[in-house]
Amino acid sequence: MEYVPDFKEHLAEIGAACRRFGVRRLWLFGSAVKGGWDPSSSDFDFMVDFGPRPLGMSALEQFFGLQRELEAVLDRRVDLVEFPAERNAFFERDFERHKAELYAA
């Protein structure tokens, strides 16, 4: 699968962040995968499946810590959706068709 320019160079850092914040699986979706990504204005959309929280880390620290770290690594705003999320049927079909798994523990 083709990603937006220069995205693959960050996969090791993304994996390290996922391990630090107890992520089971992380997917990229949205315009960065299905096309239409605009380097002047687009963000990155991620779906995250968290495993058990690391010792001493709250759920808020886990979620927002991962979001902040991904934003720092990618130098871009990140929208993070937790899996399974309340979704409508259209979103679910679109996600299943246009997703790229970036990390699996």
PDB file of N, CA and C in Angstrom:
ATOM      1  N   MET A   1       0.846  -1.179   0.000  1.00  0.00           N
ATOM      2  CA  MET A   1       0.000   0.000   0.000  1.00  0.00           C
ATOM      3  C   MET A   1       0.887   1.237   0.000  1.00  0.00           C
ATOM      4  N   GLU A   2       0.537   2.213  -0.799  1.00  0.00           N
ATOM      5  CA  GLU A   2       1.292   3.465  -0.861  1.00  0.00           C
ATOM      6  C   GLU A   2       0.793   4.423   0.217  1.00  0.00           C
ATOM      7  N   TYR A   3       1.718   5.010   0.927  1.00  0.00           N
ATOM      8  CA  TYR A   3       1.389   6.014   1.922  1.00  0.00           C
ATOM      9  C   TYR A   3       1.745   7.383   1.369  1.00  0.00           C
ATOM     10  N   VAL A   4       1.374   8.405   2.103  1.00  0.00           N
ATOM     11  CA  VAL A   4       1.738   9.760   1.716  1.00  0.00           C
ATOM     12  C   VAL A   4       3.256   9.870   1.707  1.00  0.00           C
ATOM     13  N   PRO A   5       3.812  10.838   1.015  1.00  0.00           N
ATOM     14  CA  PRO A   5       5.274  10.964   0.922  1.00  0.00           C
ATOM     15  C   PRO A   5       5.945  10.985   2.298  1.00  0.00           C
ATOM     16  N   ASP A   6       7.070  10.289   2.394  1.00  0.00           N
ATOM     17  CA  ASP A   6       7.919  10.273   3.589  1.00  0.00           C
ATOM     18  C   ASP A   6       7.261   9.654   4.823  1.00  0.00           C
ATOM     19  N   PHE A   7       6.178   8.946   4.665  1.00  0.00           N
ATOM     20  CA  PHE A   7       5.504   8.380   5.831  1.00  0.00           C
ATOM     21  C   PHE A   7       6.223   7.142   6.352  1.00  0.00           C
ATOM     22  N   LYS A   8       6.714   6.304   5.474  1.00  0.00           N
ATOM     23  CA  LYS A   8       7.322   5.037   5.890  1.00  0.00           C
ATOM     24  C   LYS A   8       8.532   5.239   6.795  1.00  0.00           C
ATOM     25  N   GLU A   9       9.215   6.352   6.664  1.00  0.00           N
ATOM     26  CA  GLU A   9      10.407   6.579   7.487  1.00  0.00           C
ATOM     27  C   GLU A   9      10.085   6.717   8.969  1.00  0.00           C
ATOM     28  N   HIS A  10       8.827   6.872   9.312  1.00  0.00           N
ATOM     29  CA  HIS A  10       8.426   7.055  10.709  1.00  0.00           C
ATOM     30  C   HIS A  10       7.893   5.782  11.358  1.00  0.00           C
ATOM     31  N   LEU A  11       7.850   4.677  10.628  1.00  0.00           N
ATOM     32  CA  LEU A  11       7.226   3.467  11.165  1.00  0.00           C
ATOM     33  C   LEU A  11       7.920   2.944  12.419  1.00  0.00           C
ATOM     34  N   ALA A  12       9.229   3.034  12.519  1.00  0.00           N
ATOM     35  CA  ALA A  12       9.936   2.563  13.721  1.00  0.00           C
ATOM     36  C   ALA A  12       9.557   3.410  14.933  1.00  0.00           C
ATOM     37  N   GLU A  13       9.474   4.726  14.753  1.00  0.00           N
ATOM     38  CA  GLU A  13       9.086   5.615  15.858  1.00  0.00           C
ATOM     39  C   GLU A  13       7.632   5.384  16.257  1.00  0.00           C
ATOM     40  N   ILE A  14       6.787   5.129  15.285  1.00  0.00           N
ATOM     41  CA  ILE A  14       5.379   4.841  15.576  1.00  0.00           C
ATOM     42  C   ILE A  14       5.282   3.544  16.375  1.00  0.00           C
ATOM     43  N   GLY A  15       6.043   2.533  15.983  1.00  0.00           N
ATOM     44  CA  GLY A  15       6.057   1.271  16.723  1.00  0.00           C
ATOM     45  C   GLY A  15       6.522   1.452  18.159  1.00  0.00           C
ATOM     46  N   ALA A  16       7.542   2.272  18.364  1.00  0.00           N
ATOM     47  CA  ALA A  16       8.040   2.535  19.720  1.00  0.00           C
ATOM     48  C   ALA A  16       6.972   3.228  20.563  1.00  0.00           C
ATOM     49  N   ALA A  17       6.259   4.175  19.980  1.00  0.00           N
ATOM     50  CA  ALA A  17       5.179   4.858  20.700  1.00  0.00           C
ATOM     51  C   ALA A  17       4.070   3.869  21.048  1.00  0.00           C
ATOM     52  N   CYS A  18       3.742   2.991  20.124  1.00  0.00           N
ATOM     53  CA  CYS A  18       2.704   1.988  20.382  1.00  0.00           C
ATOM     54  C   CYS A  18       3.097   1.086  21.547  1.00  0.00           C
ATOM     55  N   ARG A  19       4.318   0.655  21.592  1.00  0.00           N
ATOM     56  CA  ARG A  19       4.776  -0.184  22.712  1.00  0.00           C
ATOM     57  C   ARG A  19       4.731   0.589  24.028  1.00  0.00           C
ATOM     58  N   ARG A  20       5.140   1.844  24.008  1.00  0.00           N
ATOM     59  CA  ARG A  20       5.175   2.672  25.218  1.00  0.00           C
ATOM     60  C   ARG A  20       3.772   2.879  25.795  1.00  0.00           C
ATOM     61  N   PHE A  21       2.765   2.981  24.921  1.00  0.00           N
ATOM     62  CA  PHE A  21       1.413   3.287  25.378  1.00  0.00           C
ATOM     63  C   PHE A  21       0.470   2.081  25.352  1.00  0.00           C
ATOM     64  N   GLY A  22       1.010   0.884  25.230  1.00  0.00           N
ATOM     65  CA  GLY A  22       0.195  -0.326  25.357  1.00  0.00           C
ATOM     66  C   GLY A  22      -0.782  -0.555  24.220  1.00  0.00           C
ATOM     67  N   VAL A  23      -0.359  -0.263  23.004  1.00  0.00           N
ATOM     68  CA  VAL A  23      -1.231  -0.440  21.838  1.00  0.00           C
ATOM     69  C   VAL A  23      -1.137  -1.881  21.347  1.00  0.00           C
ATOM     70  N   ARG A  24      -2.299  -2.470  21.076  1.00  0.00           N
ATOM     71  CA  ARG A  24      -2.346  -3.795  20.451  1.00  0.00           C
ATOM     72  C   ARG A  24      -2.228  -3.691  18.940  1.00  0.00           C
ATOM     73  N   ARG A  25      -3.034  -2.780  18.363  1.00  0.00           N
ATOM     74  CA  ARG A  25      -3.030  -2.588  16.906  1.00  0.00           C
ATOM     75  C   ARG A  25      -3.293  -1.119  16.597  1.00  0.00           C
ATOM     76  N   LEU A  26      -2.695  -0.670  15.495  1.00  0.00           N
ATOM     77  CA  LEU A  26      -2.868   0.714  15.050  1.00  0.00           C
ATOM     78  C   LEU A  26      -3.036   0.710  13.537  1.00  0.00           C
ATOM     79  N   TRP A  27      -4.083   1.379  13.080  1.00  0.00           N
ATOM     80  CA  TRP A  27      -4.358   1.487  11.651  1.00  0.00           C
ATOM     81  C   TRP A  27      -4.375   2.948  11.231  1.00  0.00           C
ATOM     82  N   LEU A  28      -3.889   3.213  10.060  1.00  0.00           N
ATOM     83  CA  LEU A  28      -4.038   4.505   9.402  1.00  0.00           C
ATOM     84  C   LEU A  28      -5.238   4.383   8.485  1.00  0.00           C
ATOM     85  N   PHE A  29      -6.085   5.414   8.452  1.00  0.00           N
ATOM     86  CA  PHE A  29      -7.221   5.403   7.538  1.00  0.00           C
ATOM     87  C   PHE A  29      -7.465   6.826   7.066  1.00  0.00           C
ATOM     88  N   GLY A  30      -8.485   7.014   6.287  1.00  0.00           N
ATOM     89  CA  GLY A  30      -8.814   8.350   5.788  1.00  0.00           C
ATOM     90  C   GLY A  30      -8.038   8.688   4.533  1.00  0.00           C
ATOM     91  N   SER A  31      -7.897   9.980   4.292  1.00  0.00           N
ATOM     92  CA  SER A  31      -7.311  10.452   3.030  1.00  0.00           C
ATOM     93  C   SER A  31      -5.865  10.016   2.836  1.00  0.00           C
ATOM     94  N   ALA A  32      -5.132   9.763   3.911  1.00  0.00           N
ATOM     95  CA  ALA A  32      -3.738   9.327   3.779  1.00  0.00           C
ATOM     96  C   ALA A  32      -3.641   7.938   3.160  1.00  0.00           C
ATOM     97  N   VAL A  33      -4.725   7.173   3.215  1.00  0.00           N
ATOM     98  CA  VAL A  33      -4.737   5.825   2.653  1.00  0.00           C
ATOM     99  C   VAL A  33      -5.520   5.776   1.348  1.00  0.00           C
ATOM    100  N   LYS A  34      -6.689   6.418   1.336  1.00  0.00           N
ATOM    101  CA  LYS A  34      -7.541   6.260   0.150  1.00  0.00           C
ATOM    102  C   LYS A  34      -7.369   7.356  -0.885  1.00  0.00           C
ATOM    103  N   GLY A  35      -6.531   8.330  -0.590  1.00  0.00           N
ATOM    104  CA  GLY A  35      -6.273   9.392  -1.562  1.00  0.00           C
ATOM    105  C   GLY A  35      -6.911  10.701  -1.148  1.00  0.00           C
ATOM    106  N   GLY A  36      -6.402  11.761  -1.726  1.00  0.00           N
ATOM    107  CA  GLY A  36      -6.920  13.085  -1.417  1.00  0.00           C
ATOM    108  C   GLY A  36      -6.178  13.793  -0.302  1.00  0.00           C
ATOM    109  N   TRP A  37      -5.098  13.185   0.199  1.00  0.00           N
ATOM    110  CA  TRP A  37      -4.342  13.799   1.284  1.00  0.00           C
ATOM    111  C   TRP A  37      -3.645  15.047   0.770  1.00  0.00           C
ATOM    112  N   ASP A  38      -3.803  16.153   1.490  1.00  0.00           N
ATOM    113  CA  ASP A  38      -3.231  17.438   1.082  1.00  0.00           C
ATOM    114  C   ASP A  38      -2.165  17.850   2.099  1.00  0.00           C
ATOM    115  N   PRO A  39      -0.892  17.919   1.687  1.00  0.00           N
ATOM    116  CA  PRO A  39       0.175  18.248   2.641  1.00  0.00           C
ATOM    117  C   PRO A  39       0.029  19.621   3.282  1.00  0.00           C
ATOM    118  N   SER A  40      -0.751  20.504   2.686  1.00  0.00           N
ATOM    119  CA  SER A  40      -0.909  21.839   3.263  1.00  0.00           C
ATOM    120  C   SER A  40      -1.993  21.894   4.336  1.00  0.00           C
ATOM    121  N   SER A  41      -2.878  20.878   4.397  1.00  0.00           N
ATOM    122  CA  SER A  41      -3.985  21.000   5.342  1.00  0.00           C
ATOM    123  C   SER A  41      -4.451  19.697   5.991  1.00  0.00           C
ATOM    124  N   SER A  42      -4.075  18.558   5.472  1.00  0.00           N
ATOM    125  CA  SER A  42      -4.619  17.293   5.981  1.00  0.00           C
ATOM    126  C   SER A  42      -3.949  16.848   7.274  1.00  0.00           C
ATOM    127  N   ASP A  43      -4.732  16.145   8.075  1.00  0.00           N
ATOM    128  CA  ASP A  43      -4.202  15.510   9.278  1.00  0.00           C
ATOM    129  C   ASP A  43      -4.050  14.019   8.998  1.00  0.00           C
ATOM    130  N   PHE A  44      -3.646  13.274  10.013  1.00  0.00           N
ATOM    131  CA  PHE A  44      -3.597  11.820   9.914  1.00  0.00           C
ATOM    132  C   PHE A  44      -4.680  11.247  10.812  1.00  0.00           C
ATOM    133  N   ASP A  45      -5.415  10.280  10.298  1.00  0.00           N
ATOM    134  CA  ASP A  45      -6.476   9.604  11.043  1.00  0.00           C
ATOM    135  C   ASP A  45      -6.000   8.205  11.412  1.00  0.00           C
ATOM    136  N   PHE A  46      -6.057   7.900  12.702  1.00  0.00           N
ATOM    137  CA  PHE A  46      -5.642   6.592  13.196  1.00  0.00           C
ATOM    138  C   PHE A  46      -6.766   5.952  13.997  1.00  0.00           C
ATOM    139  N   MET A  47      -6.915   4.646  13.850  1.00  0.00           N
ATOM    140  CA  MET A  47      -7.773   3.835  14.709  1.00  0.00           C
ATOM    141  C   MET A  47      -6.828   3.034  15.586  1.00  0.00           C
ATOM    142  N   VAL A  48      -7.071   3.047  16.895  1.00  0.00           N
ATOM    143  CA  VAL A  48      -6.171   2.377  17.834  1.00  0.00           C
ATOM    144  C   VAL A  48      -6.944   1.364  18.672  1.00  0.00           C
ATOM    145  N   ASP A  49      -6.348   0.203  18.851  1.00  0.00           N
ATOM    146  CA  ASP A  49      -6.872  -0.833  19.738  1.00  0.00           C
ATOM    147  C   ASP A  49      -5.871  -0.956  20.883  1.00  0.00           C
ATOM    148  N   PHE A  50      -6.264  -0.441  22.039  1.00  0.00           N
ATOM    149  CA  PHE A  50      -5.372  -0.482  23.198  1.00  0.00           C
ATOM    150  C   PHE A  50      -5.447  -1.835  23.890  1.00  0.00           C
ATOM    151  N   GLY A  51      -4.312  -2.289  24.353  1.00  0.00           N
ATOM    152  CA  GLY A  51      -4.248  -3.445  25.234  1.00  0.00           C
ATOM    153  C   GLY A  51      -4.309  -2.937  26.666  1.00  0.00           C
ATOM    154  N   PRO A  52      -3.879  -3.756  27.615  1.00  0.00           N
ATOM    155  CA  PRO A  52      -3.845  -3.297  29.004  1.00  0.00           C
ATOM    156  C   PRO A  52      -2.952  -2.061  29.137  1.00  0.00           C
ATOM    157  N   ARG A  53      -3.392  -1.147  29.992  1.00  0.00           N
ATOM    158  CA  ARG A  53      -2.599   0.069  30.213  1.00  0.00           C
ATOM    159  C   ARG A  53      -1.289  -0.268  30.911  1.00  0.00           C
ATOM    160  N   PRO A  54      -0.234   0.413  30.520  1.00  0.00           N
ATOM    161  CA  PRO A  54       1.031   0.255  31.249  1.00  0.00           C
ATOM    162  C   PRO A  54       0.842   0.640  32.718  1.00  0.00           C
ATOM    163  N   LEU A  55       1.568  -0.014  33.575  1.00  0.00           N
ATOM    164  CA  LEU A  55       1.465   0.198  35.015  1.00  0.00           C
ATOM    165  C   LEU A  55       1.596   1.676  35.358  1.00  0.00           C
ATOM    166  N   GLY A  56       0.638   2.193  36.122  1.00  0.00           N
ATOM    167  CA  GLY A  56       0.675   3.574  36.574  1.00  0.00           C
ATOM    168  C   GLY A  56       0.167   4.591  35.574  1.00  0.00           C
ATOM    169  N   MET A  57      -0.299   4.152  34.420  1.00  0.00           N
ATOM    170  CA  MET A  57      -0.769   5.079  33.387  1.00  0.00           C
ATOM    171  C   MET A  57      -2.297   5.069  33.356  1.00  0.00           C
ATOM    172  N   SER A  58      -2.901   6.247  33.428  1.00  0.00           N
ATOM    173  CA  SER A  58      -4.356   6.331  33.347  1.00  0.00           C
ATOM    174  C   SER A  58      -4.804   6.166  31.894  1.00  0.00           C
ATOM    175  N   ALA A  59      -6.096   5.919  31.714  1.00  0.00           N
ATOM    176  CA  ALA A  59      -6.649   5.797  30.358  1.00  0.00           C
ATOM    177  C   ALA A  59      -6.463   7.097  29.583  1.00  0.00           C
ATOM    178  N   LEU A  60      -6.615   8.238  30.262  1.00  0.00           N
ATOM    179  CA  LEU A  60      -6.419   9.529  29.589  1.00  0.00           C
ATOM    180  C   LEU A  60      -4.967   9.718  29.166  1.00  0.00           C
ATOM    181  N   GLU A  61      -4.038   9.359  30.047  1.00  0.00           N
ATOM    182  CA  GLU A  61      -2.612   9.459  29.699  1.00  0.00           C
ATOM    183  C   GLU A  61      -2.273   8.544  28.526  1.00  0.00           C
ATOM    184  N   GLN A  62      -2.879   7.370  28.509  1.00  0.00           N
ATOM    185  CA  GLN A  62      -2.622   6.425  27.425  1.00  0.00           C
ATOM    186  C   GLN A  62      -3.107   6.998  26.091  1.00  0.00           C
ATOM    187  N   PHE A  63      -4.342   7.475  26.054  1.00  0.00           N
ATOM    188  CA  PHE A  63      -4.932   7.977  24.813  1.00  0.00           C
ATOM    189  C   PHE A  63      -4.237   9.253  24.339  1.00  0.00           C
ATOM    190  N   PHE A  64      -4.210  10.256  25.208  1.00  0.00           N
ATOM    191  CA  PHE A  64      -3.659  11.549  24.786  1.00  0.00           C
ATOM    192  C   PHE A  64      -2.130  11.529  24.684  1.00  0.00           C
ATOM    193  N   GLY A  65      -1.481  10.673  25.458  1.00  0.00           N
ATOM    194  CA  GLY A  65      -0.036  10.522  25.315  1.00  0.00           C
ATOM    195  C   GLY A  65       0.326   9.968  23.952  1.00  0.00           C
ATOM    196  N   LEU A  66      -0.414   8.944  23.506  1.00  0.00           N
ATOM    197  CA  LEU A  66      -0.172   8.387  22.174  1.00  0.00           C
ATOM    198  C   LEU A  66      -0.456   9.436  21.108  1.00  0.00           C
ATOM    199  N   GLN A  67      -1.556  10.145  21.254  1.00  0.00           N
ATOM    200  CA  GLN A  67      -1.901  11.172  20.263  1.00  0.00           C
ATOM    201  C   GLN A  67      -0.802  12.236  20.172  1.00  0.00           C
ATOM    202  N   ARG A  68      -0.352  12.738  21.303  1.00  0.00           N
ATOM    203  CA  ARG A  68       0.708  13.761  21.305  1.00  0.00           C
ATOM    204  C   ARG A  68       2.005  13.232  20.700  1.00  0.00           C
ATOM    205  N   GLU A  69       2.348  11.993  21.039  1.00  0.00           N
ATOM    206  CA  GLU A  69       3.595  11.438  20.511  1.00  0.00           C
ATOM    207  C   GLU A  69       3.512  11.233  18.994  1.00  0.00           C
ATOM    208  N   LEU A  70       2.386  10.760  18.500  1.00  0.00           N
ATOM    209  CA  LEU A  70       2.223  10.607  17.050  1.00  0.00           C
ATOM    210  C   LEU A  70       2.306  11.966  16.354  1.00  0.00           C
ATOM    211  N   GLU A  71       1.700  12.982  16.961  1.00  0.00           N
ATOM    212  CA  GLU A  71       1.775  14.327  16.374  1.00  0.00           C
ATOM    213  C   GLU A  71       3.213  14.830  16.334  1.00  0.00           C
ATOM    214  N   ALA A  72       3.975  14.551  17.378  1.00  0.00           N
ATOM    215  CA  ALA A  72       5.376  14.990  17.410  1.00  0.00           C
ATOM    216  C   ALA A  72       6.211  14.249  16.363  1.00  0.00           C
ATOM    217  N   VAL A  73       6.001  12.958  16.237  1.00  0.00           N
ATOM    218  CA  VAL A  73       6.755  12.153  15.266  1.00  0.00           C
ATOM    219  C   VAL A  73       6.435  12.586  13.841  1.00  0.00           C
ATOM    220  N   LEU A  74       5.156  12.812  13.572  1.00  0.00           N
ATOM    221  CA  LEU A  74       4.717  13.100  12.204  1.00  0.00           C
ATOM    222  C   LEU A  74       4.671  14.586  11.883  1.00  0.00           C
ATOM    223  N   ASP A  75       4.837  15.432  12.905  1.00  0.00           N
ATOM    224  CA  ASP A  75       4.773  16.884  12.736  1.00  0.00           C
ATOM    225  C   ASP A  75       3.484  17.289  12.017  1.00  0.00           C
ATOM    226  N   ARG A  76       2.400  16.718  12.497  1.00  0.00           N
ATOM    227  CA  ARG A  76       1.100  16.925  11.861  1.00  0.00           C
ATOM    228  C   ARG A  76       0.023  16.612  12.887  1.00  0.00           C
ATOM    229  N   ARG A  77      -1.124  17.276  12.790  1.00  0.00           N
ATOM    230  CA  ARG A  77      -2.241  16.971  13.679  1.00  0.00           C
ATOM    231  C   ARG A  77      -2.696  15.532  13.452  1.00  0.00           C
ATOM    232  N   VAL A  78      -3.076  14.866  14.544  1.00  0.00           N
ATOM    233  CA  VAL A  78      -3.522  13.479  14.497  1.00  0.00           C
ATOM    234  C   VAL A  78      -4.908  13.383  15.116  1.00  0.00           C
ATOM    235  N   ASP A  79      -5.816  12.720  14.397  1.00  0.00           N
ATOM    236  CA  ASP A  79      -7.112  12.347  14.956  1.00  0.00           C
ATOM    237  C   ASP A  79      -7.019  10.881  15.330  1.00  0.00           C
ATOM    238  N   LEU A  80      -7.351  10.584  16.575  1.00  0.00           N
ATOM    239  CA  LEU A  80      -7.235   9.230  17.098  1.00  0.00           C
ATOM    240  C   LEU A  80      -8.628   8.741  17.471  1.00  0.00           C
ATOM    241  N   VAL A  81      -9.010   7.579  16.960  1.00  0.00           N
ATOM    242  CA  VAL A  81     -10.301   6.964  17.260  1.00  0.00           C
ATOM    243  C   VAL A  81     -10.012   5.625  17.914  1.00  0.00           C
ATOM    244  N   GLU A  82     -10.673   5.382  19.049  1.00  0.00           N
ATOM    245  CA  GLU A  82     -10.430   4.130  19.755  1.00  0.00           C
ATOM    246  C   GLU A  82     -11.301   3.015  19.193  1.00  0.00           C
ATOM    247  N   PHE A  83     -10.718   1.845  19.047  1.00  0.00           N
ATOM    248  CA  PHE A  83     -11.407   0.666  18.529  1.00  0.00           C
ATOM    249  C   PHE A  83     -11.853  -0.198  19.694  1.00  0.00           C
ATOM    250  N   PRO A  84     -13.010  -0.754  19.715  1.00  0.00           N
ATOM    251  CA  PRO A  84     -14.097  -0.478  18.788  1.00  0.00           C
ATOM    252  C   PRO A  84     -14.787   0.810  19.187  1.00  0.00           C
ATOM    253  N   ALA A  85     -15.106   1.596  18.229  1.00  0.00           N
ATOM    254  CA  ALA A  85     -15.771   2.871  18.481  1.00  0.00           C
ATOM    255  C   ALA A  85     -17.213   2.777  18.009  1.00  0.00           C
ATOM    256  N   GLU A  86     -18.039   3.647  18.562  1.00  0.00           N
ATOM    257  CA  GLU A  86     -19.397   3.757  18.039  1.00  0.00           C
ATOM    258  C   GLU A  86     -19.282   4.310  16.636  1.00  0.00           C
ATOM    259  N   ARG A  87     -19.703   3.528  15.683  1.00  0.00           N
ATOM    260  CA  ARG A  87     -19.555   3.946  14.296  1.00  0.00           C
ATOM    261  C   ARG A  87     -20.851   3.657  13.560  1.00  0.00           C
ATOM    262  N   ASN A  88     -21.051   4.400  12.503  1.00  0.00           N
ATOM    263  CA  ASN A  88     -22.188   4.077  11.657  1.00  0.00           C
ATOM    264  C   ASN A  88     -21.742   3.079  10.598  1.00  0.00           C
ATOM    265  N   ALA A  89     -22.694   2.481   9.925  1.00  0.00           N
ATOM    266  CA  ALA A  89     -22.394   1.427   8.947  1.00  0.00           C
ATOM    267  C   ALA A  89     -21.530   1.951   7.808  1.00  0.00           C
ATOM    268  N   PHE A  90     -21.767   3.185   7.370  1.00  0.00           N
ATOM    269  CA  PHE A  90     -20.972   3.756   6.281  1.00  0.00           C
ATOM    270  C   PHE A  90     -19.510   3.870   6.706  1.00  0.00           C
ATOM    271  N   PHE A  91     -19.270   4.405   7.901  1.00  0.00           N
ATOM    272  CA  PHE A  91     -17.897   4.538   8.392  1.00  0.00           C
ATOM    273  C   PHE A  91     -17.228   3.173   8.485  1.00  0.00           C
ATOM    274  N   GLU A  92     -17.948   2.200   9.021  1.00  0.00           N
ATOM    275  CA  GLU A  92     -17.364   0.873   9.199  1.00  0.00           C
ATOM    276  C   GLU A  92     -16.966   0.249   7.859  1.00  0.00           C
ATOM    277  N   ARG A  93     -17.823   0.338   6.858  1.00  0.00           N
ATOM    278  CA  ARG A  93     -17.501  -0.203   5.531  1.00  0.00           C
ATOM    279  C   ARG A  93     -16.307   0.528   4.927  1.00  0.00           C
ATOM    280  N   ASP A  94     -16.302   1.852   5.052  1.00  0.00           N
ATOM    281  CA  ASP A  94     -15.208   2.648   4.498  1.00  0.00           C
ATOM    282  C   ASP A  94     -13.889   2.319   5.200  1.00  0.00           C
ATOM    283  N   PHE A  95     -13.933   2.186   6.519  1.00  0.00           N
ATOM    284  CA  PHE A  95     -12.732   1.848   7.282  1.00  0.00           C
ATOM    285  C   PHE A  95     -12.198   0.477   6.861  1.00  0.00           C
ATOM    286  N   GLU A  96     -13.077  -0.496   6.737  1.00  0.00           N
ATOM    287  CA  GLU A  96     -12.648  -1.845   6.362  1.00  0.00           C
ATOM    288  C   GLU A  96     -12.030  -1.881   4.968  1.00  0.00           C
ATOM    289  N   ARG A  97     -12.513  -1.056   4.069  1.00  0.00           N
ATOM    290  CA  ARG A  97     -11.976  -1.015   2.700  1.00  0.00           C
ATOM    291  C   ARG A  97     -10.687  -0.223   2.596  1.00  0.00           C
ATOM    292  N   HIS A  98     -10.568   0.828   3.403  1.00  0.00           N
ATOM    293  CA  HIS A  98      -9.455   1.779   3.265  1.00  0.00           C
ATOM    294  C   HIS A  98      -8.718   1.938   4.586  1.00  0.00           C
ATOM    295  N   LYS A  99      -7.976   0.931   4.969  1.00  0.00           N
ATOM    296  CA  LYS A  99      -7.179   1.001   6.194  1.00  0.00           C
ATOM    297  C   LYS A  99      -5.826   0.378   5.912  1.00  0.00           C
ATOM    298  N   ALA A 100      -4.845   0.823   6.663  1.00  0.00           N
ATOM    299  CA  ALA A 100      -3.504   0.258   6.557  1.00  0.00           C
ATOM    300  C   ALA A 100      -3.012  -0.015   7.973  1.00  0.00           C
ATOM    301  N   GLU A 101      -2.775  -1.272   8.280  1.00  0.00           N
ATOM    302  CA  GLU A 101      -2.280  -1.612   9.612  1.00  0.00           C
ATOM    303  C   GLU A 101      -0.811  -1.217   9.711  1.00  0.00           C
ATOM    304  N   LEU A 102      -0.510  -0.400  10.703  1.00  0.00           N
ATOM    305  CA  LEU A 102       0.859   0.073  10.901  1.00  0.00           C
ATOM    306  C   LEU A 102       1.569  -0.640  12.038  1.00  0.00           C
ATOM    307  N   TYR A 103       0.787  -1.198  12.959  1.00  0.00           N
ATOM    308  CA  TYR A 103       1.401  -1.828  14.122  1.00  0.00           C
ATOM    309  C   TYR A 103       0.491  -2.938  14.624  1.00  0.00           C
ATOM    310  N   ALA A 104       1.084  -4.043  15.009  1.00  0.00           N
ATOM    311  CA  ALA A 104       0.380  -5.137  15.680  1.00  0.00           C
ATOM    312  C   ALA A 104       1.340  -5.734  16.701  1.00  0.00           C
ATOM    313  N   ALA A 105       0.900  -5.776  17.955  1.00  0.00           N
ATOM    314  CA  ALA A 105       1.743  -6.312  19.035  1.00  0.00           C
ATOM    315  C   ALA A 105       1.853  -7.820  18.918  1.00  0.00           C
TER     316      ALA A 105
END
